[in-house]
Amino acid sequence: MRTDPRCPHCNEKVSATASWCMHCGQDFDEPREAGSGELTEALARGDGNAIADQLVASEYGPGAVGVAIAAVALVTLPIVSPPGLTFFYLAAVVAIGYLSAQRPTVADALARGAQLLALAPFLLWLLSALLYAVPPITALLGPIVYAALVLLVVRRIDPSLAG
């Protein structure tokens, strides 16, 4: 008998004999035990789908997505950001990660993070124009390509975000 049965989809408490979740409405073969180590096993196997399923089911999923998006921003934003805005660029990275992590679900965190990540280079370009001289309009080519790539990759990860 399971002592703390959980829905394998939303991680909410269910009956030990349940075959569907009253919280999210999903059907399942059997509930899983809370903290059963399934994520550790999926990581050890390198099973990307199982890792994603566990991330979605975890209450820490949106936070993990926020951290991952902040890491991507930390590495990629300097490529398309105007020079001389290091403090603002780092503030944007923190804000992107924080605002993404605050969403209630992994899909919401991914969608918000992608939107903010795509918007950040444009805001940094505008800030550069306000603080210094207006950069040439051709300097917007990098942020445009960057935004398109970010949105393309996120829609590839989660096709439900396409519309």
N, C-alpha and C. Protein backbone atom coordinates (compact mmCIF):
# COMPACT_ATOMS: atom_id res chain seq x y z
N MET A 1 0.84 -1.18 0.00
CA MET A 1 0.00 0.00 0.00
C MET A 1 0.89 1.24 0.00
N ARG A 2 0.58 2.19 -0.83
CA ARG A 2 1.32 3.44 -0.90
C ARG A 2 0.93 4.34 0.27
N THR A 3 1.93 4.96 0.89
CA THR A 3 1.64 5.82 2.04
C THR A 3 1.30 7.24 1.63
N ASP A 4 1.82 7.68 0.48
CA ASP A 4 1.54 9.04 0.00
C ASP A 4 1.34 9.00 -1.52
N PRO A 5 0.21 8.44 -1.98
CA PRO A 5 0.00 8.30 -3.42
C PRO A 5 -0.22 9.66 -4.10
N ARG A 6 0.38 9.82 -5.27
CA ARG A 6 0.30 11.08 -6.02
C ARG A 6 -0.03 10.79 -7.47
N CYS A 7 -0.68 11.76 -8.11
CA CYS A 7 -0.95 11.68 -9.54
C CYS A 7 0.39 11.79 -10.28
N PRO A 8 0.66 10.90 -11.23
CA PRO A 8 1.92 10.99 -11.97
C PRO A 8 1.96 12.18 -12.93
N HIS A 9 0.84 12.86 -13.14
CA HIS A 9 0.81 14.00 -14.06
C HIS A 9 0.95 15.34 -13.34
N CYS A 10 0.17 15.54 -12.26
CA CYS A 10 0.19 16.86 -11.60
C CYS A 10 0.77 16.82 -10.20
N ASN A 11 1.06 15.62 -9.69
CA ASN A 11 1.70 15.42 -8.40
C ASN A 11 0.79 15.75 -7.21
N GLU A 12 -0.51 15.85 -7.44
CA GLU A 12 -1.45 16.10 -6.35
C GLU A 12 -1.81 14.77 -5.67
N LYS A 13 -2.24 14.85 -4.40
CA LYS A 13 -2.63 13.65 -3.67
C LYS A 13 -3.87 13.02 -4.27
N VAL A 14 -3.84 11.68 -4.39
CA VAL A 14 -4.98 10.91 -4.87
C VAL A 14 -5.14 9.68 -3.98
N SER A 15 -6.21 8.97 -4.18
CA SER A 15 -6.45 7.72 -3.46
C SER A 15 -5.42 6.67 -3.91
N ALA A 16 -5.08 5.77 -3.02
CA ALA A 16 -4.11 4.72 -3.35
C ALA A 16 -4.63 3.78 -4.43
N THR A 17 -5.95 3.74 -4.64
CA THR A 17 -6.53 2.87 -5.65
C THR A 17 -7.03 3.63 -6.87
N ALA A 18 -6.73 4.91 -6.95
CA ALA A 18 -7.23 5.76 -8.03
C ALA A 18 -6.64 5.35 -9.38
N SER A 19 -7.45 5.57 -10.43
CA SER A 19 -6.96 5.35 -11.79
C SER A 19 -7.10 6.63 -12.62
N TRP A 20 -7.59 7.70 -11.99
CA TRP A 20 -7.65 9.02 -12.63
C TRP A 20 -7.52 10.07 -11.54
N CYS A 21 -7.13 11.25 -11.93
CA CYS A 21 -6.87 12.33 -10.97
C CYS A 21 -8.05 13.30 -10.94
N MET A 22 -8.56 13.55 -9.75
CA MET A 22 -9.67 14.49 -9.61
C MET A 22 -9.19 15.93 -9.73
N HIS A 23 -7.88 16.16 -9.68
CA HIS A 23 -7.32 17.51 -9.78
C HIS A 23 -7.10 17.93 -11.23
N CYS A 24 -6.46 17.05 -12.00
CA CYS A 24 -6.14 17.42 -13.39
C CYS A 24 -6.95 16.63 -14.42
N GLY A 25 -7.69 15.58 -13.98
CA GLY A 25 -8.54 14.82 -14.89
C GLY A 25 -7.82 13.79 -15.74
N GLN A 26 -6.53 13.58 -15.52
CA GLN A 26 -5.75 12.63 -16.32
C GLN A 26 -5.95 11.20 -15.81
N ASP A 27 -5.99 10.26 -16.74
CA ASP A 27 -6.03 8.84 -16.40
C ASP A 27 -4.60 8.32 -16.22
N PHE A 28 -4.44 7.32 -15.36
CA PHE A 28 -3.14 6.68 -15.17
C PHE A 28 -3.35 5.25 -14.71
N ASP A 29 -2.32 4.43 -14.86
CA ASP A 29 -2.42 3.02 -14.45
C ASP A 29 -2.45 2.88 -12.94
N GLU A 30 -1.54 3.57 -12.28
CA GLU A 30 -1.50 3.55 -10.82
C GLU A 30 -0.83 4.82 -10.33
N PRO A 31 -1.19 5.27 -9.13
CA PRO A 31 -0.54 6.47 -8.61
C PRO A 31 0.91 6.16 -8.26
N ARG A 32 1.70 7.19 -8.19
CA ARG A 32 3.10 7.01 -7.80
C ARG A 32 3.27 7.47 -6.37
N GLU A 33 4.32 7.01 -5.75
CA GLU A 33 4.64 7.40 -4.38
C GLU A 33 5.36 8.75 -4.42
N ALA A 34 4.97 9.67 -3.54
CA ALA A 34 5.64 10.97 -3.47
C ALA A 34 7.11 10.75 -3.13
N GLY A 35 7.98 11.48 -3.83
CA GLY A 35 9.41 11.36 -3.57
C GLY A 35 9.96 9.99 -3.88
N SER A 36 9.45 9.36 -4.92
CA SER A 36 9.84 7.98 -5.22
C SER A 36 11.18 7.86 -5.94
N GLY A 37 11.82 8.97 -6.23
CA GLY A 37 13.12 8.90 -6.88
C GLY A 37 13.06 8.69 -8.38
N GLU A 38 11.89 8.88 -8.97
CA GLU A 38 11.75 8.65 -10.41
C GLU A 38 12.60 9.64 -11.21
N LEU A 39 12.73 10.87 -10.73
CA LEU A 39 13.55 11.85 -11.45
C LEU A 39 15.01 11.42 -11.46
N THR A 40 15.50 10.94 -10.33
CA THR A 40 16.89 10.48 -10.25
C THR A 40 17.12 9.32 -11.21
N GLU A 41 16.15 8.41 -11.27
CA GLU A 41 16.27 7.28 -12.19
C GLU A 41 16.25 7.74 -13.64
N ALA A 42 15.37 8.70 -13.96
CA ALA A 42 15.29 9.23 -15.33
C ALA A 42 16.59 9.94 -15.70
N LEU A 43 17.16 10.69 -14.76
CA LEU A 43 18.44 11.37 -15.03
C LEU A 43 19.55 10.36 -15.27
N ALA A 44 19.57 9.29 -14.47
CA ALA A 44 20.60 8.26 -14.62
C ALA A 44 20.48 7.57 -15.97
N ARG A 45 19.25 7.35 -16.44
CA ARG A 45 19.03 6.71 -17.74
C ARG A 45 19.26 7.67 -18.90
N GLY A 46 19.18 8.97 -18.62
CA GLY A 46 19.29 9.96 -19.70
C GLY A 46 18.03 10.02 -20.54
N ASP A 47 16.90 9.67 -19.96
CA ASP A 47 15.61 9.64 -20.66
C ASP A 47 14.99 11.03 -20.62
N GLY A 48 15.13 11.78 -21.72
CA GLY A 48 14.65 13.15 -21.79
C GLY A 48 13.15 13.28 -21.57
N ASN A 49 12.37 12.36 -22.13
CA ASN A 49 10.92 12.43 -21.95
C ASN A 49 10.52 12.19 -20.50
N ALA A 50 11.15 11.23 -19.85
CA ALA A 50 10.84 10.95 -18.45
C ALA A 50 11.27 12.12 -17.56
N ILE A 51 12.40 12.74 -17.89
CA ILE A 51 12.85 13.90 -17.13
C ILE A 51 11.85 15.04 -17.28
N ALA A 52 11.39 15.27 -18.50
CA ALA A 52 10.39 16.32 -18.72
C ALA A 52 9.10 16.02 -17.99
N ASP A 53 8.66 14.76 -18.00
CA ASP A 53 7.44 14.39 -17.27
C ASP A 53 7.59 14.63 -15.78
N GLN A 54 8.74 14.27 -15.23
CA GLN A 54 8.97 14.49 -13.80
C GLN A 54 9.07 15.97 -13.47
N LEU A 55 9.65 16.74 -14.36
CA LEU A 55 9.75 18.18 -14.16
C LEU A 55 8.36 18.82 -14.13
N VAL A 56 7.51 18.39 -15.05
CA VAL A 56 6.14 18.91 -15.10
C VAL A 56 5.38 18.52 -13.83
N ALA A 57 5.60 17.31 -13.34
CA ALA A 57 4.89 16.84 -12.16
C ALA A 57 5.42 17.45 -10.86
N SER A 58 6.62 17.95 -10.88
CA SER A 58 7.23 18.48 -9.66
C SER A 58 6.75 19.89 -9.36
N GLU A 59 6.64 20.17 -8.07
CA GLU A 59 6.27 21.53 -7.67
C GLU A 59 7.42 22.51 -7.94
N TYR A 60 8.62 21.99 -8.14
CA TYR A 60 9.78 22.82 -8.42
C TYR A 60 10.05 22.99 -9.91
N GLY A 61 9.18 22.44 -10.75
CA GLY A 61 9.37 22.51 -12.19
C GLY A 61 9.49 23.92 -12.73
N PRO A 62 8.55 24.84 -12.41
CA PRO A 62 8.69 26.21 -12.91
C PRO A 62 9.97 26.90 -12.45
N GLY A 63 10.39 26.62 -11.23
CA GLY A 63 11.63 27.20 -10.74
C GLY A 63 12.84 26.70 -11.51
N ALA A 64 12.83 25.39 -11.81
CA ALA A 64 13.93 24.82 -12.59
C ALA A 64 13.96 25.41 -14.00
N VAL A 65 12.78 25.61 -14.58
CA VAL A 65 12.71 26.24 -15.91
C VAL A 65 13.23 27.67 -15.84
N GLY A 66 12.86 28.40 -14.79
CA GLY A 66 13.35 29.77 -14.63
C GLY A 66 14.86 29.84 -14.52
N VAL A 67 15.45 28.92 -13.77
CA VAL A 67 16.91 28.88 -13.64
C VAL A 67 17.55 28.54 -14.98
N ALA A 68 16.97 27.58 -15.70
CA ALA A 68 17.53 27.19 -17.00
C ALA A 68 17.45 28.35 -18.00
N ILE A 69 16.35 29.06 -18.01
CA ILE A 69 16.20 30.19 -18.93
C ILE A 69 17.16 31.32 -18.55
N ALA A 70 17.35 31.54 -17.26
CA ALA A 70 18.31 32.56 -16.82
C ALA A 70 19.72 32.18 -17.26
N ALA A 71 20.06 30.88 -17.19
CA ALA A 71 21.38 30.43 -17.64
C ALA A 71 21.56 30.67 -19.13
N VAL A 72 20.51 30.37 -19.90
CA VAL A 72 20.57 30.63 -21.35
C VAL A 72 20.74 32.12 -21.60
N ALA A 73 20.01 32.94 -20.87
CA ALA A 73 20.11 34.39 -21.03
C ALA A 73 21.51 34.89 -20.68
N LEU A 74 22.08 34.35 -19.61
CA LEU A 74 23.42 34.76 -19.18
C LEU A 74 24.46 34.52 -20.27
N VAL A 75 24.30 33.42 -20.99
CA VAL A 75 25.27 33.06 -22.02
C VAL A 75 24.99 33.75 -23.35
N THR A 76 23.71 33.89 -23.72
CA THR A 76 23.38 34.37 -25.06
C THR A 76 23.09 35.86 -25.19
N LEU A 77 22.57 36.49 -24.15
CA LEU A 77 22.23 37.91 -24.28
C LEU A 77 23.41 38.82 -24.60
N PRO A 78 24.61 38.57 -24.08
CA PRO A 78 25.72 39.47 -24.42
C PRO A 78 26.03 39.51 -25.92
N ILE A 79 25.67 38.45 -26.61
CA ILE A 79 25.96 38.38 -28.05
C ILE A 79 25.15 39.42 -28.82
N VAL A 80 23.92 39.66 -28.38
CA VAL A 80 23.03 40.57 -29.11
C VAL A 80 22.73 41.86 -28.36
N SER A 81 23.37 42.06 -27.21
CA SER A 81 23.15 43.28 -26.44
C SER A 81 24.17 44.35 -26.82
N PRO A 82 23.76 45.61 -26.77
CA PRO A 82 24.72 46.69 -27.04
C PRO A 82 25.81 46.72 -25.96
N PRO A 83 27.01 47.16 -26.31
CA PRO A 83 28.09 47.21 -25.32
C PRO A 83 27.83 48.31 -24.28
N GLY A 84 28.45 48.16 -23.13
CA GLY A 84 28.37 49.19 -22.10
C GLY A 84 27.16 49.09 -21.19
N LEU A 85 26.43 47.99 -21.26
CA LEU A 85 25.22 47.84 -20.43
C LEU A 85 25.31 46.61 -19.53
N THR A 86 26.49 46.32 -19.02
CA THR A 86 26.69 45.09 -18.26
C THR A 86 25.74 44.98 -17.07
N PHE A 87 25.60 46.03 -16.29
CA PHE A 87 24.72 45.99 -15.13
C PHE A 87 23.27 45.71 -15.56
N PHE A 88 22.82 46.39 -16.59
CA PHE A 88 21.44 46.22 -17.05
C PHE A 88 21.23 44.83 -17.67
N TYR A 89 22.25 44.34 -18.34
CA TYR A 89 22.18 43.00 -18.91
C TYR A 89 22.05 41.96 -17.80
N LEU A 90 22.85 42.09 -16.74
CA LEU A 90 22.77 41.16 -15.63
C LEU A 90 21.44 41.29 -14.89
N ALA A 91 20.93 42.51 -14.76
CA ALA A 91 19.61 42.71 -14.15
C ALA A 91 18.53 42.04 -15.00
N ALA A 92 18.67 42.12 -16.31
CA ALA A 92 17.70 41.47 -17.20
C ALA A 92 17.75 39.96 -17.03
N VAL A 93 18.93 39.39 -16.88
CA VAL A 93 19.06 37.94 -16.68
C VAL A 93 18.34 37.52 -15.40
N VAL A 94 18.57 38.25 -14.32
CA VAL A 94 17.92 37.92 -13.05
C VAL A 94 16.40 38.07 -13.17
N ALA A 95 15.95 39.15 -13.78
CA ALA A 95 14.51 39.37 -13.94
C ALA A 95 13.87 38.28 -14.79
N ILE A 96 14.51 37.90 -15.87
CA ILE A 96 13.97 36.84 -16.74
C ILE A 96 13.82 35.54 -15.96
N GLY A 97 14.85 35.17 -15.23
CA GLY A 97 14.79 33.93 -14.45
C GLY A 97 13.73 34.00 -13.36
N TYR A 98 13.68 35.10 -12.63
CA TYR A 98 12.72 35.24 -11.54
C TYR A 98 11.28 35.24 -12.03
N LEU A 99 11.01 36.05 -13.05
CA LEU A 99 9.63 36.13 -13.56
C LEU A 99 9.17 34.83 -14.20
N SER A 100 10.09 34.10 -14.80
CA SER A 100 9.74 32.79 -15.37
C SER A 100 9.42 31.80 -14.25
N ALA A 101 10.24 31.79 -13.22
CA ALA A 101 10.08 30.84 -12.12
C ALA A 101 8.81 31.07 -11.32
N GLN A 102 8.25 32.24 -11.37
CA GLN A 102 7.05 32.56 -10.60
C GLN A 102 5.76 32.06 -11.22
N ARG A 103 5.82 31.53 -12.42
CA ARG A 103 4.62 31.04 -13.10
C ARG A 103 4.15 29.74 -12.44
N PRO A 104 2.85 29.43 -12.53
CA PRO A 104 2.33 28.26 -11.81
C PRO A 104 2.67 26.90 -12.43
N THR A 105 2.92 26.86 -13.73
CA THR A 105 3.21 25.57 -14.38
C THR A 105 4.49 25.69 -15.20
N VAL A 106 5.01 24.53 -15.56
CA VAL A 106 6.22 24.49 -16.38
C VAL A 106 5.97 25.13 -17.74
N ALA A 107 4.81 24.83 -18.35
CA ALA A 107 4.50 25.40 -19.66
C ALA A 107 4.39 26.92 -19.59
N ASP A 108 3.77 27.43 -18.51
CA ASP A 108 3.68 28.88 -18.34
C ASP A 108 5.06 29.50 -18.13
N ALA A 109 5.90 28.82 -17.35
CA ALA A 109 7.25 29.32 -17.10
C ALA A 109 8.06 29.36 -18.40
N LEU A 110 7.92 28.33 -19.21
CA LEU A 110 8.62 28.27 -20.48
C LEU A 110 8.13 29.37 -21.42
N ALA A 111 6.82 29.55 -21.49
CA ALA A 111 6.26 30.58 -22.37
C ALA A 111 6.68 31.97 -21.92
N ARG A 112 6.56 32.28 -20.62
CA ARG A 112 6.95 33.61 -20.12
C ARG A 112 8.44 33.84 -20.30
N GLY A 113 9.24 32.83 -20.00
CA GLY A 113 10.69 32.97 -20.16
C GLY A 113 11.08 33.24 -21.60
N ALA A 114 10.43 32.56 -22.53
CA ALA A 114 10.72 32.77 -23.95
C ALA A 114 10.34 34.18 -24.37
N GLN A 115 9.19 34.65 -23.93
CA GLN A 115 8.76 36.01 -24.26
C GLN A 115 9.76 37.04 -23.74
N LEU A 116 10.15 36.89 -22.49
CA LEU A 116 11.09 37.84 -21.89
C LEU A 116 12.47 37.75 -22.53
N LEU A 117 12.90 36.54 -22.83
CA LEU A 117 14.20 36.35 -23.46
C LEU A 117 14.23 36.97 -24.86
N ALA A 118 13.13 36.85 -25.58
CA ALA A 118 13.05 37.44 -26.92
C ALA A 118 12.96 38.97 -26.85
N LEU A 119 12.34 39.50 -25.81
CA LEU A 119 12.14 40.95 -25.68
C LEU A 119 13.37 41.68 -25.12
N ALA A 120 14.15 41.00 -24.30
CA ALA A 120 15.27 41.64 -23.60
C ALA A 120 16.26 42.39 -24.51
N PRO A 121 16.71 41.82 -25.64
CA PRO A 121 17.66 42.58 -26.46
C PRO A 121 17.09 43.89 -27.00
N PHE A 122 15.79 43.91 -27.29
CA PHE A 122 15.17 45.15 -27.77
C PHE A 122 15.13 46.21 -26.67
N LEU A 123 14.82 45.77 -25.45
CA LEU A 123 14.80 46.72 -24.33
C LEU A 123 16.21 47.24 -24.03
N LEU A 124 17.19 46.37 -24.12
CA LEU A 124 18.57 46.81 -23.90
C LEU A 124 19.02 47.76 -25.01
N TRP A 125 18.59 47.53 -26.24
CA TRP A 125 18.90 48.42 -27.35
C TRP A 125 18.26 49.79 -27.10
N LEU A 126 17.01 49.80 -26.65
CA LEU A 126 16.31 51.05 -26.36
C LEU A 126 16.99 51.78 -25.20
N LEU A 127 17.39 51.05 -24.18
CA LEU A 127 18.10 51.65 -23.06
C LEU A 127 19.43 52.25 -23.51
N SER A 128 20.11 51.58 -24.39
CA SER A 128 21.36 52.10 -24.94
C SER A 128 21.12 53.39 -25.70
N ALA A 129 20.01 53.46 -26.43
CA ALA A 129 19.66 54.66 -27.18
C ALA A 129 19.35 55.81 -26.23
N LEU A 130 18.73 55.53 -25.10
CA LEU A 130 18.39 56.58 -24.13
C LEU A 130 19.61 57.06 -23.35
N LEU A 131 20.49 56.15 -22.99
CA LEU A 131 21.65 56.51 -22.17
C LEU A 131 22.82 57.07 -22.97
N TYR A 132 23.01 56.55 -24.15
CA TYR A 132 24.15 56.94 -24.97
C TYR A 132 23.62 57.55 -26.26
N ALA A 133 24.26 57.27 -27.34
CA ALA A 133 23.77 57.73 -28.64
C ALA A 133 22.88 56.63 -29.23
N VAL A 134 22.02 57.02 -30.13
CA VAL A 134 21.16 56.04 -30.79
C VAL A 134 22.02 55.15 -31.68
N PRO A 135 22.00 53.83 -31.41
CA PRO A 135 22.77 52.93 -32.26
C PRO A 135 22.16 52.89 -33.66
N PRO A 136 22.93 52.50 -34.64
CA PRO A 136 22.37 52.41 -35.99
C PRO A 136 21.24 51.40 -36.03
N ILE A 137 20.29 51.64 -36.89
CA ILE A 137 19.12 50.77 -36.99
C ILE A 137 19.52 49.35 -37.39
N THR A 138 20.65 49.22 -38.05
CA THR A 138 21.12 47.88 -38.42
C THR A 138 21.50 47.06 -37.18
N ALA A 139 21.72 47.75 -36.06
CA ALA A 139 22.04 47.05 -34.82
C ALA A 139 20.84 46.25 -34.31
N LEU A 140 19.67 46.48 -34.86
CA LEU A 140 18.48 45.72 -34.48
C LEU A 140 18.40 44.37 -35.17
N LEU A 141 19.24 44.16 -36.16
CA LEU A 141 19.21 42.88 -36.88
C LEU A 141 19.53 41.72 -35.94
N GLY A 142 20.51 41.88 -35.07
CA GLY A 142 20.86 40.83 -34.11
C GLY A 142 19.71 40.48 -33.18
N PRO A 143 19.08 41.48 -32.53
CA PRO A 143 17.94 41.16 -31.68
C PRO A 143 16.76 40.53 -32.43
N ILE A 144 16.54 40.93 -33.67
CA ILE A 144 15.44 40.34 -34.44
C ILE A 144 15.70 38.86 -34.70
N VAL A 145 16.91 38.54 -35.12
CA VAL A 145 17.27 37.14 -35.38
C VAL A 145 17.23 36.34 -34.08
N TYR A 146 17.74 36.94 -33.01
CA TYR A 146 17.76 36.28 -31.70
C TYR A 146 16.34 35.97 -31.23
N ALA A 147 15.45 36.95 -31.32
CA ALA A 147 14.05 36.74 -30.90
C ALA A 147 13.40 35.64 -31.73
N ALA A 148 13.65 35.63 -33.02
CA ALA A 148 13.07 34.60 -33.87
C ALA A 148 13.60 33.21 -33.48
N LEU A 149 14.89 33.11 -33.21
CA LEU A 149 15.47 31.82 -32.81
C LEU A 149 14.93 31.35 -31.46
N VAL A 150 14.82 32.26 -30.50
CA VAL A 150 14.30 31.90 -29.19
C VAL A 150 12.88 31.35 -29.32
N LEU A 151 12.04 32.05 -30.05
CA LEU A 151 10.65 31.62 -30.19
C LEU A 151 10.55 30.32 -30.99
N LEU A 152 11.40 30.15 -31.97
CA LEU A 152 11.41 28.92 -32.75
C LEU A 152 11.81 27.73 -31.89
N VAL A 153 12.85 27.88 -31.09
CA VAL A 153 13.31 26.79 -30.23
C VAL A 153 12.25 26.44 -29.18
N VAL A 154 11.63 27.44 -28.58
CA VAL A 154 10.63 27.16 -27.56
C VAL A 154 9.40 26.48 -28.16
N ARG A 155 9.02 26.89 -29.33
CA ARG A 155 7.88 26.23 -29.98
C ARG A 155 8.23 24.82 -30.40
N ARG A 156 9.49 24.58 -30.65
CA ARG A 156 9.95 23.22 -30.98
C ARG A 156 9.91 22.35 -29.73
N ILE A 157 10.25 22.93 -28.58
CA ILE A 157 10.22 22.20 -27.31
C ILE A 157 8.78 21.90 -26.90
N ASP A 158 7.91 22.91 -27.01
CA ASP A 158 6.51 22.76 -26.60
C ASP A 158 5.61 23.30 -27.69
N PRO A 159 5.16 22.43 -28.62
CA PRO A 159 4.33 22.88 -29.74
C PRO A 159 3.03 23.56 -29.33
N SER A 160 2.55 23.33 -28.10
CA SER A 160 1.31 23.98 -27.67
C SER A 160 1.48 25.48 -27.52
N LEU A 161 2.71 25.97 -27.50
CA LEU A 161 2.96 27.40 -27.38
C LEU A 161 2.91 28.11 -28.72
N ALA A 162 2.67 27.39 -29.79
CA ALA A 162 2.68 27.96 -31.14
C ALA A 162 1.52 28.93 -31.38
N GLY A 163 0.46 28.82 -30.69
CA GLY A 163 -0.66 29.69 -30.98
C GLY A 163 -1.13 30.39 -29.84
